[in-house]
């Protein structure tokens, strides 16, 4: 994939908060059209890295480049307008709004009404369950349905790069299957994805490349399928 443009490049990233050095100098990149996964155990620094990329946490050191330009210090609002959208851990849907209203919030940076309506139909095509319940309050839905809504809302901003932070966390096995199916489908439609996951085997199965993060550092990276069969990865993350 190295001959395709690099959309996101993280170099020497260090993030500290509360006196703790959570990320200690991380380098990785995501090329156009790729699905890249960042795997690692809980507390490895994966979510902190995602928050730093999207301007939700300040950098102690290093740089983040998006579309060839540094985005260090840029606000999350500005980044969404440039096509960098994140589905946060814990989903963060607007619980007192309907599904339709939540999706409309995802398109708040846009004013192309006909295209917004077309994208709403596209999201309902990916998530039929959301269409069935489009007038239901988001707070009354199951965790899996809220995860679908959070992903649909992010897609409404027409992202160039979609960041997914632990999309399968806390979901039933059936819903986990559905979420990974949807991630694969969204990627097949041409959206570049950076996926953070504790479910390493499922993430590596659908990814092009993977990075392993331990204690704030990248300790391994490579082709996702090769990592899936690597004895060290299997022993550490796949319970073998």
Protein backbone atom coordinates (compact mmCIF):
# COMPACT_ATOMS: atom_id res chain seq x y z
CA UNK A 1 0.00 0.00 0.00
CA UNK A 2 3.06 2.27 0.19
CA UNK A 3 2.43 3.57 -3.37
CA UNK A 4 -0.91 5.06 -2.29
CA UNK A 5 -1.11 8.48 -0.60
CA UNK A 6 -0.56 8.62 3.16
CA UNK A 7 -3.67 10.20 4.67
CA UNK A 8 -2.65 10.01 8.33
CA UNK A 9 0.88 9.95 9.71
CA UNK A 10 1.70 9.91 13.43
CA UNK A 11 5.33 10.57 14.36
CA UNK A 12 7.00 10.52 17.79
CA UNK A 13 3.63 10.96 19.51
CA UNK A 14 3.83 11.46 23.25
CA UNK A 15 0.79 12.17 25.43
CA UNK A 16 0.71 12.63 29.19
CA UNK A 17 -2.14 13.44 31.54
CA UNK A 18 -2.51 13.40 35.28
CA UNK A 19 1.25 12.98 35.58
CA UNK A 20 1.14 9.70 33.66
CA UNK A 21 3.00 9.23 30.37
CA UNK A 22 0.29 7.30 28.53
CA UNK A 23 1.84 7.36 25.04
CA UNK A 24 5.63 7.30 24.87
CA UNK A 25 6.66 7.97 21.29
CA UNK A 26 4.43 6.27 18.75
CA UNK A 27 4.87 6.14 14.97
CA UNK A 28 2.38 4.75 12.46
CA UNK A 29 0.63 5.69 9.26
CA UNK A 30 -2.58 4.99 7.37
CA UNK A 31 -2.66 5.02 3.57
CA UNK A 32 -5.63 5.89 1.41
CA UNK A 33 -8.09 3.00 1.11
CA UNK A 34 -6.56 0.97 3.94
CA UNK A 35 -8.14 -0.57 7.00
CA UNK A 36 -5.45 -0.37 9.68
CA UNK A 37 -5.96 -1.74 13.17
CA UNK A 38 -4.25 -0.75 16.41
CA UNK A 39 -4.52 -3.65 18.84
CA UNK A 40 -3.37 -4.10 22.42
CA UNK A 41 -4.61 -4.83 25.90
CA UNK A 42 -6.65 -2.44 28.01
CA UNK A 43 -4.52 0.48 29.19
CA UNK A 44 -1.98 0.19 26.35
CA UNK A 45 -2.64 3.79 25.25
CA UNK A 46 -4.81 3.11 22.21
CA UNK A 47 -7.75 5.38 23.12
CA UNK A 48 -5.35 8.11 24.28
CA UNK A 49 -3.70 7.97 20.85
CA UNK A 50 -7.09 8.33 19.14
CA UNK A 51 -8.02 11.30 21.32
CA UNK A 52 -4.70 12.98 20.54
CA UNK A 53 -5.23 12.50 16.79
CA UNK A 54 -8.68 14.11 16.95
CA UNK A 55 -7.61 17.09 19.06
CA UNK A 56 -9.30 15.94 22.27
CA UNK A 57 -6.00 15.62 24.17
CA UNK A 58 -2.91 17.84 23.84
CA UNK A 59 0.37 16.40 22.58
CA UNK A 60 3.42 16.45 24.82
CA UNK A 61 5.67 15.82 21.84
CA UNK A 62 5.61 14.60 18.26
CA UNK A 63 3.35 15.46 15.37
CA UNK A 64 0.26 14.26 13.54
CA UNK A 65 -0.05 14.86 9.84
CA UNK A 66 -3.32 14.58 7.97
CA UNK A 67 -3.42 15.00 4.18
CA UNK A 68 0.23 16.05 4.33
CA UNK A 69 -0.25 18.88 6.86
CA UNK A 70 0.34 19.05 10.59
CA UNK A 71 -2.90 19.07 12.59
CA UNK A 72 -1.23 19.44 15.98
CA UNK A 73 -3.36 21.70 18.17
CA UNK A 74 -6.33 21.72 15.81
CA UNK A 75 -9.80 21.37 17.30
CA UNK A 76 -12.02 18.34 16.73
CA UNK A 77 -14.66 20.53 15.02
CA UNK A 78 -12.12 21.72 12.44
CA UNK A 79 -10.90 18.17 11.76
CA UNK A 80 -14.41 16.85 11.10
CA UNK A 81 -14.80 19.57 8.46
CA UNK A 82 -11.62 18.27 6.85
CA UNK A 83 -12.89 14.70 6.75
CA UNK A 84 -11.47 13.16 9.92
CA UNK A 85 -14.28 11.65 12.01
CA UNK A 86 -14.17 9.48 15.12
CA UNK A 87 -16.67 7.09 16.66
CA UNK A 88 -15.60 7.33 20.31
CA UNK A 89 -15.36 4.52 22.83
CA UNK A 90 -18.72 4.40 24.62
CA UNK A 91 -20.55 5.63 21.50
CA UNK A 92 -21.70 9.05 22.80
CA UNK A 93 -25.06 9.21 21.01
CA UNK A 94 -27.52 12.03 21.79
CA UNK A 95 -29.86 10.01 23.99
CA UNK A 96 -32.80 12.47 23.97
CA UNK A 97 -32.80 12.79 20.20
CA UNK A 98 -34.31 10.37 17.72
CA UNK A 99 -32.20 8.21 15.43
CA UNK A 100 -32.98 10.52 12.52
CA UNK A 101 -32.00 13.61 14.54
CA UNK A 102 -28.72 11.96 15.59
CA UNK A 103 -27.89 11.25 11.95
CA UNK A 104 -28.75 14.82 11.00
CA UNK A 105 -26.30 16.01 13.68
CA UNK A 106 -23.62 14.02 11.88
CA UNK A 107 -24.23 16.19 8.80
CA UNK A 108 -24.25 19.51 10.70
CA UNK A 109 -21.14 20.73 8.84
CA UNK A 110 -22.89 20.27 5.48
CA UNK A 111 -25.60 22.24 3.69
CA UNK A 112 -26.11 20.08 0.59
CA UNK A 113 -29.65 18.99 1.45
CA UNK A 114 -30.22 16.58 -1.44
CA UNK A 115 -26.91 14.81 -0.81
CA UNK A 116 -27.60 14.66 2.94
CA UNK A 117 -30.93 12.96 2.23
CA UNK A 118 -29.17 10.52 -0.14
CA UNK A 119 -26.53 9.77 2.52
CA UNK A 120 -29.27 9.20 5.10
CA UNK A 121 -30.77 6.58 2.77
CA UNK A 122 -27.32 5.03 2.34
CA UNK A 123 -26.86 4.79 6.12
CA UNK A 124 -30.31 3.21 6.46
CA UNK A 125 -29.23 0.74 3.76
CA UNK A 126 -26.16 -0.26 5.80
CA UNK A 127 -28.14 -0.32 9.07
CA UNK A 128 -31.71 -1.52 8.33
CA UNK A 129 -32.42 -1.69 12.06
CA UNK A 130 -31.93 2.07 12.33
CA UNK A 131 -34.42 2.65 9.53
CA UNK A 132 -37.01 0.50 11.31
CA UNK A 133 -36.63 2.66 14.42
CA UNK A 134 -35.81 6.04 12.90
CA UNK A 135 -38.26 7.94 15.15
CA UNK A 136 -37.17 6.17 18.35
CA UNK A 137 -35.14 8.02 21.00
CA UNK A 138 -31.50 6.93 20.85
CA UNK A 139 -31.33 6.47 24.62
CA UNK A 140 -33.91 3.67 24.50
CA UNK A 141 -31.85 1.48 22.14
CA UNK A 142 -29.50 -1.39 23.00
CA UNK A 143 -25.74 -0.89 23.14
CA UNK A 144 -25.28 -2.53 19.76
CA UNK A 145 -27.93 -0.37 18.15
CA UNK A 146 -26.32 2.74 19.65
CA UNK A 147 -22.97 1.61 18.21
CA UNK A 148 -24.59 1.35 14.77
CA UNK A 149 -26.06 4.82 15.23
CA UNK A 150 -22.71 6.31 16.27
CA UNK A 151 -21.08 4.81 13.16
CA UNK A 152 -23.92 6.01 10.94
CA UNK A 153 -23.68 9.50 12.42
CA UNK A 154 -19.94 9.64 11.68
CA UNK A 155 -20.55 8.50 8.09
CA UNK A 156 -22.99 11.39 7.62
CA UNK A 157 -20.02 13.78 7.73
CA UNK A 158 -18.57 12.01 4.65
CA UNK A 159 -15.22 11.23 6.27
CA UNK A 160 -12.02 10.60 4.32
CA UNK A 161 -10.69 8.77 7.37
CA UNK A 162 -12.97 7.10 9.93
CA UNK A 163 -11.51 6.40 13.37
CA UNK A 164 -13.29 3.65 15.30
CA UNK A 165 -12.44 3.32 18.98
CA UNK A 166 -13.38 -0.09 20.44
CA UNK A 167 -16.61 -0.53 18.43
CA UNK A 168 -17.23 -4.06 19.75
CA UNK A 169 -16.72 -3.27 23.45
CA UNK A 170 -19.49 -4.52 25.73
CA UNK A 171 -21.62 -5.99 22.94
CA UNK A 172 -23.20 -9.42 22.67
CA UNK A 173 -21.44 -11.95 20.38
CA UNK A 174 -24.19 -11.61 17.74
CA UNK A 175 -23.88 -7.83 17.77
CA UNK A 176 -20.07 -8.06 17.60
CA UNK A 177 -20.47 -10.11 14.41
CA UNK A 178 -22.77 -7.45 12.97
CA UNK A 179 -20.45 -4.56 13.85
CA UNK A 180 -17.42 -6.21 12.21
CA UNK A 181 -19.56 -7.01 9.17
CA UNK A 182 -20.49 -3.33 8.95
CA UNK A 183 -16.87 -2.15 9.37
CA UNK A 184 -15.91 -4.42 6.48
CA UNK A 185 -18.80 -3.07 4.37
CA UNK A 186 -17.97 0.59 5.07
CA UNK A 187 -14.33 -0.08 4.15
CA UNK A 188 -15.44 -1.82 0.93
CA UNK A 189 -17.27 1.39 0.00
CA UNK A 190 -13.93 3.20 -0.08
CA UNK A 191 -13.69 4.72 3.40
CA UNK A 192 -10.20 4.61 4.92
CA UNK A 193 -10.42 3.26 8.50
CA UNK A 194 -8.23 3.27 11.61
CA UNK A 195 -9.69 0.70 13.99
CA UNK A 196 -8.72 0.43 17.66
CA UNK A 197 -9.78 -2.92 19.12
CA UNK A 198 -9.19 -5.21 22.08
CA UNK A 199 -10.71 -8.04 20.04
CA UNK A 200 -7.43 -8.62 18.22
CA UNK A 201 -8.37 -11.67 16.18
CA UNK A 202 -11.52 -10.09 14.74
CA UNK A 203 -9.71 -6.85 13.98
CA UNK A 204 -6.78 -8.55 12.23
CA UNK A 205 -9.16 -10.72 10.19
CA UNK A 206 -10.62 -7.67 8.43
CA UNK A 207 -7.59 -5.33 8.44
CA UNK A 208 -4.91 -4.78 5.80
CA UNK A 209 -2.20 -3.94 8.32
CA UNK A 210 -1.89 -4.02 12.10
CA UNK A 211 0.09 -2.33 14.86
CA UNK A 212 0.47 -3.81 18.35
CA UNK A 213 0.58 -1.28 21.19
CA UNK A 214 1.93 -2.12 24.65
CA UNK A 215 2.46 0.30 27.53
CA UNK A 216 2.36 3.36 25.29
CA UNK A 217 4.68 2.01 22.59
CA UNK A 218 4.26 0.24 19.24
CA UNK A 219 5.99 -3.13 19.69
CA UNK A 220 5.09 -4.84 16.42
CA UNK A 221 3.54 -4.06 13.06
CA UNK A 222 2.96 -5.73 9.72
CA UNK A 223 0.53 -7.38 7.36
CA UNK A 224 -2.62 -8.20 9.34
CA UNK A 225 -2.98 -11.76 8.03
CA UNK A 226 0.66 -12.55 8.86
CA UNK A 227 0.22 -11.08 12.35
CA UNK A 228 -2.84 -13.25 12.82
CA UNK A 229 -0.68 -16.35 12.42
CA UNK A 230 2.33 -14.96 14.35
CA UNK A 231 2.91 -17.15 17.47
CA UNK A 232 3.83 -14.10 19.61
CA UNK A 233 0.62 -12.27 18.68
CA UNK A 234 -1.44 -15.42 19.15
CA UNK A 235 0.07 -16.04 22.59
CA UNK A 236 -0.34 -12.46 23.79
CA UNK A 237 -3.71 -11.49 22.30
CA UNK A 238 -5.52 -14.52 20.96
CA UNK A 239 -5.22 -16.71 24.06
CA UNK A 240 -3.12 -19.42 22.43
